Amino acid sequence: MGAFIYGVSLQWKLDIRSKTLLITCYIVPLLFFGIMGGIFTSVIPGAGDTLIQSMTVFGVTMGALIGLPPSLVEIYGSDNKKV
């Protein structure tokens, strides 16, 4: 468990130093969360009760998918069928 916590903290420090990852994986989902949350609550005032939970899940998922290394995307996103 200690190695996992060390790995997560090291990855966090490296992500904060990289401006590309900081913008792509952290700032873009947070901006999306803020903008779409403002739009949804202005259109449907009662949506505030469930909006935070659903937008948090979406923001975390969006940040995780955007932050995948291209090699993983190529491996799992392509058809591995042999003709």
N, C-alpha and C. Protein backbone atom coordinates (compact mmCIF):
# COMPACT_ATOMS: atom_id res chain seq x y z
N MET A 1 0.83 -1.19 0.00
CA MET A 1 0.00 0.00 0.00
C MET A 1 0.87 1.26 0.00
N GLY A 2 1.99 1.17 0.68
CA GLY A 2 2.90 2.32 0.73
C GLY A 2 3.47 2.66 -0.64
N ALA A 3 3.75 1.62 -1.43
CA ALA A 3 4.27 1.84 -2.78
C ALA A 3 3.22 2.49 -3.67
N PHE A 4 1.96 2.10 -3.49
CA PHE A 4 0.88 2.70 -4.27
C PHE A 4 0.73 4.19 -3.94
N ILE A 5 0.76 4.52 -2.65
CA ILE A 5 0.64 5.92 -2.24
C ILE A 5 1.83 6.72 -2.75
N TYR A 6 3.02 6.14 -2.68
CA TYR A 6 4.20 6.82 -3.21
C TYR A 6 4.07 7.05 -4.71
N GLY A 7 3.59 6.05 -5.44
CA GLY A 7 3.41 6.19 -6.89
C GLY A 7 2.38 7.26 -7.24
N VAL A 8 1.28 7.30 -6.51
CA VAL A 8 0.25 8.32 -6.75
C VAL A 8 0.78 9.71 -6.45
N SER A 9 1.51 9.86 -5.35
CA SER A 9 2.05 11.18 -5.01
C SER A 9 3.11 11.62 -6.02
N LEU A 10 3.93 10.70 -6.48
CA LEU A 10 4.93 11.03 -7.48
C LEU A 10 4.27 11.44 -8.80
N GLN A 11 3.24 10.70 -9.21
CA GLN A 11 2.53 11.04 -10.45
C GLN A 11 1.86 12.40 -10.32
N TRP A 12 1.30 12.71 -9.16
CA TRP A 12 0.66 14.00 -8.93
C TRP A 12 1.68 15.13 -9.08
N LYS A 13 2.86 14.96 -8.50
CA LYS A 13 3.90 15.99 -8.60
C LYS A 13 4.35 16.17 -10.04
N LEU A 14 4.49 15.08 -10.77
CA LEU A 14 4.90 15.18 -12.17
C LEU A 14 3.81 15.82 -13.03
N ASP A 15 2.54 15.51 -12.75
CA ASP A 15 1.44 16.11 -13.51
C ASP A 15 1.34 17.61 -13.26
N ILE A 16 1.57 18.06 -12.05
CA ILE A 16 1.49 19.48 -11.74
C ILE A 16 2.62 20.24 -12.45
N ARG A 17 3.78 19.63 -12.60
CA ARG A 17 4.90 20.30 -13.27
C ARG A 17 4.70 20.39 -14.77
N SER A 18 3.97 19.46 -15.35
CA SER A 18 3.74 19.46 -16.79
C SER A 18 2.53 20.35 -17.10
N LYS A 19 2.77 21.44 -17.80
CA LYS A 19 1.67 22.36 -18.10
C LYS A 19 0.64 21.74 -19.03
N THR A 20 1.09 20.89 -19.94
CA THR A 20 0.15 20.25 -20.87
C THR A 20 -0.81 19.34 -20.11
N LEU A 21 -0.29 18.49 -19.22
CA LEU A 21 -1.15 17.61 -18.44
C LEU A 21 -2.00 18.38 -17.46
N LEU A 22 -1.46 19.44 -16.89
CA LEU A 22 -2.23 20.25 -15.94
C LEU A 22 -3.44 20.85 -16.63
N ILE A 23 -3.24 21.40 -17.81
CA ILE A 23 -4.36 22.01 -18.54
C ILE A 23 -5.33 20.95 -19.02
N THR A 24 -4.81 19.89 -19.64
CA THR A 24 -5.66 18.89 -20.26
C THR A 24 -6.44 18.06 -19.25
N CYS A 25 -5.79 17.61 -18.20
CA CYS A 25 -6.42 16.65 -17.28
C CYS A 25 -7.09 17.28 -16.07
N TYR A 26 -6.75 18.51 -15.75
CA TYR A 26 -7.30 19.11 -14.54
C TYR A 26 -8.13 20.35 -14.83
N ILE A 27 -7.59 21.29 -15.59
CA ILE A 27 -8.28 22.56 -15.80
C ILE A 27 -9.46 22.42 -16.76
N VAL A 28 -9.29 21.67 -17.87
CA VAL A 28 -10.39 21.51 -18.83
C VAL A 28 -11.61 20.84 -18.18
N PRO A 29 -11.47 19.72 -17.45
CA PRO A 29 -12.66 19.16 -16.80
C PRO A 29 -13.29 20.09 -15.77
N LEU A 30 -12.47 20.85 -15.03
CA LEU A 30 -13.04 21.78 -14.06
C LEU A 30 -13.78 22.92 -14.74
N LEU A 31 -13.25 23.44 -15.84
CA LEU A 31 -13.96 24.48 -16.59
C LEU A 31 -15.26 23.93 -17.16
N PHE A 32 -15.22 22.72 -17.72
CA PHE A 32 -16.43 22.10 -18.23
C PHE A 32 -17.46 21.94 -17.13
N PHE A 33 -17.01 21.49 -15.97
CA PHE A 33 -17.90 21.33 -14.82
C PHE A 33 -18.57 22.66 -14.46
N GLY A 34 -17.79 23.72 -14.40
CA GLY A 34 -18.34 25.03 -14.03
C GLY A 34 -19.31 25.58 -15.07
N ILE A 35 -18.93 25.51 -16.33
CA ILE A 35 -19.78 26.06 -17.39
C ILE A 35 -21.07 25.27 -17.53
N MET A 36 -20.96 23.94 -17.64
CA MET A 36 -22.17 23.13 -17.81
C MET A 36 -23.04 23.14 -16.56
N GLY A 37 -22.42 23.20 -15.39
CA GLY A 37 -23.20 23.31 -14.16
C GLY A 37 -24.00 24.59 -14.12
N GLY A 38 -23.40 25.70 -14.56
CA GLY A 38 -24.13 26.96 -14.61
C GLY A 38 -25.27 26.93 -15.61
N ILE A 39 -25.04 26.31 -16.75
CA ILE A 39 -26.09 26.22 -17.77
C ILE A 39 -27.24 25.35 -17.29
N PHE A 40 -26.93 24.18 -16.74
CA PHE A 40 -27.99 23.27 -16.30
C PHE A 40 -28.81 23.85 -15.16
N THR A 41 -28.16 24.51 -14.21
CA THR A 41 -28.92 25.06 -13.09
C THR A 41 -29.74 26.27 -13.49
N SER A 42 -29.33 26.98 -14.54
CA SER A 42 -30.15 28.11 -14.99
C SER A 42 -31.34 27.63 -15.81
N VAL A 43 -31.18 26.54 -16.57
CA VAL A 43 -32.29 26.01 -17.37
C VAL A 43 -33.26 25.23 -16.49
N ILE A 44 -32.73 24.35 -15.63
CA ILE A 44 -33.57 23.53 -14.75
C ILE A 44 -33.13 23.81 -13.30
N PRO A 45 -33.84 24.69 -12.59
CA PRO A 45 -33.40 25.04 -11.23
C PRO A 45 -33.35 23.86 -10.26
N GLY A 46 -34.15 22.84 -10.44
CA GLY A 46 -34.16 21.69 -9.53
C GLY A 46 -33.04 20.69 -9.80
N ALA A 47 -32.24 20.92 -10.83
CA ALA A 47 -31.19 19.98 -11.19
C ALA A 47 -29.98 20.04 -10.26
N GLY A 48 -29.93 21.03 -9.41
CA GLY A 48 -28.78 21.18 -8.52
C GLY A 48 -28.60 20.03 -7.54
N ASP A 49 -29.68 19.30 -7.24
CA ASP A 49 -29.59 18.20 -6.28
C ASP A 49 -28.77 17.03 -6.83
N THR A 50 -28.92 16.72 -8.11
CA THR A 50 -28.20 15.59 -8.69
C THR A 50 -27.07 16.01 -9.60
N LEU A 51 -26.97 17.28 -9.88
CA LEU A 51 -25.98 17.76 -10.85
C LEU A 51 -24.55 17.60 -10.36
N ILE A 52 -24.31 17.86 -9.11
CA ILE A 52 -22.95 17.80 -8.59
C ILE A 52 -22.39 16.38 -8.70
N GLN A 53 -23.19 15.38 -8.33
CA GLN A 53 -22.71 14.00 -8.40
C GLN A 53 -22.45 13.57 -9.84
N SER A 54 -23.39 13.86 -10.73
CA SER A 54 -23.22 13.41 -12.11
C SER A 54 -22.09 14.15 -12.81
N MET A 55 -21.94 15.44 -12.59
CA MET A 55 -20.88 16.20 -13.24
C MET A 55 -19.52 15.83 -12.66
N THR A 56 -19.45 15.46 -11.39
CA THR A 56 -18.18 15.03 -10.81
C THR A 56 -17.72 13.72 -11.45
N VAL A 57 -18.64 12.79 -11.61
CA VAL A 57 -18.28 11.52 -12.26
C VAL A 57 -17.85 11.79 -13.70
N PHE A 58 -18.58 12.63 -14.40
CA PHE A 58 -18.23 12.94 -15.79
C PHE A 58 -16.88 13.65 -15.88
N GLY A 59 -16.63 14.60 -14.98
CA GLY A 59 -15.36 15.32 -15.00
C GLY A 59 -14.16 14.43 -14.72
N VAL A 60 -14.31 13.52 -13.76
CA VAL A 60 -13.22 12.59 -13.44
C VAL A 60 -12.98 11.64 -14.62
N THR A 61 -14.06 11.14 -15.21
CA THR A 61 -13.93 10.25 -16.35
C THR A 61 -13.30 10.95 -17.54
N MET A 62 -13.73 12.19 -17.79
CA MET A 62 -13.18 12.96 -18.90
C MET A 62 -11.68 13.22 -18.69
N GLY A 63 -11.30 13.60 -17.49
CA GLY A 63 -9.89 13.83 -17.20
C GLY A 63 -9.06 12.58 -17.33
N ALA A 64 -9.61 11.45 -16.92
CA ALA A 64 -8.88 10.19 -17.02
C ALA A 64 -8.70 9.75 -18.47
N LEU A 65 -9.76 9.88 -19.26
CA LEU A 65 -9.66 9.46 -20.66
C LEU A 65 -8.77 10.38 -21.47
N ILE A 66 -8.82 11.68 -21.21
CA ILE A 66 -7.96 12.61 -21.92
C ILE A 66 -6.50 12.35 -21.56
N GLY A 67 -6.25 11.95 -20.32
CA GLY A 67 -4.88 11.77 -19.85
C GLY A 67 -4.25 10.43 -20.18
N LEU A 68 -4.98 9.54 -20.87
CA LEU A 68 -4.39 8.26 -21.23
C LEU A 68 -3.23 8.46 -22.19
N PRO A 69 -2.16 7.73 -22.00
CA PRO A 69 -1.06 7.81 -22.97
C PRO A 69 -1.52 7.33 -24.34
N PRO A 70 -1.00 7.90 -25.40
CA PRO A 70 -1.43 7.49 -26.74
C PRO A 70 -1.22 6.01 -27.02
N SER A 71 -0.20 5.40 -26.42
CA SER A 71 0.04 3.99 -26.68
C SER A 71 -1.10 3.13 -26.15
N LEU A 72 -1.66 3.48 -24.98
CA LEU A 72 -2.79 2.72 -24.45
C LEU A 72 -4.03 2.90 -25.32
N VAL A 73 -4.22 4.10 -25.81
CA VAL A 73 -5.37 4.36 -26.67
C VAL A 73 -5.25 3.55 -27.96
N GLU A 74 -4.04 3.48 -28.51
CA GLU A 74 -3.84 2.72 -29.73
C GLU A 74 -4.02 1.23 -29.50
N ILE A 75 -3.59 0.73 -28.35
CA ILE A 75 -3.70 -0.70 -28.08
C ILE A 75 -5.16 -1.10 -27.89
N TYR A 76 -5.88 -0.37 -27.05
CA TYR A 76 -7.25 -0.77 -26.72
C TYR A 76 -8.28 -0.18 -27.66
N GLY A 77 -7.94 0.82 -28.43
CA GLY A 77 -8.90 1.45 -29.32
C GLY A 77 -8.91 0.89 -30.71
N SER A 78 -7.91 0.12 -31.08
CA SER A 78 -7.84 -0.39 -32.44
C SER A 78 -8.39 -1.82 -32.50
N ASP A 79 -8.74 -2.23 -33.68
CA ASP A 79 -9.19 -3.60 -33.88
C ASP A 79 -7.97 -4.50 -33.96
N ASN A 80 -7.90 -5.47 -33.13
CA ASN A 80 -6.77 -6.39 -33.11
C ASN A 80 -7.10 -7.69 -33.83
N LYS A 81 -8.01 -7.62 -34.79
CA LYS A 81 -8.39 -8.81 -35.54
C LYS A 81 -7.37 -9.07 -36.64
N LYS A 82 -7.01 -10.32 -36.79
CA LYS A 82 -6.09 -10.71 -37.87
C LYS A 82 -6.91 -11.25 -39.02
N VAL A 83 -6.53 -10.83 -40.22
CA VAL A 83 -7.28 -11.23 -41.41
C VAL A 83 -6.76 -12.51 -41.96
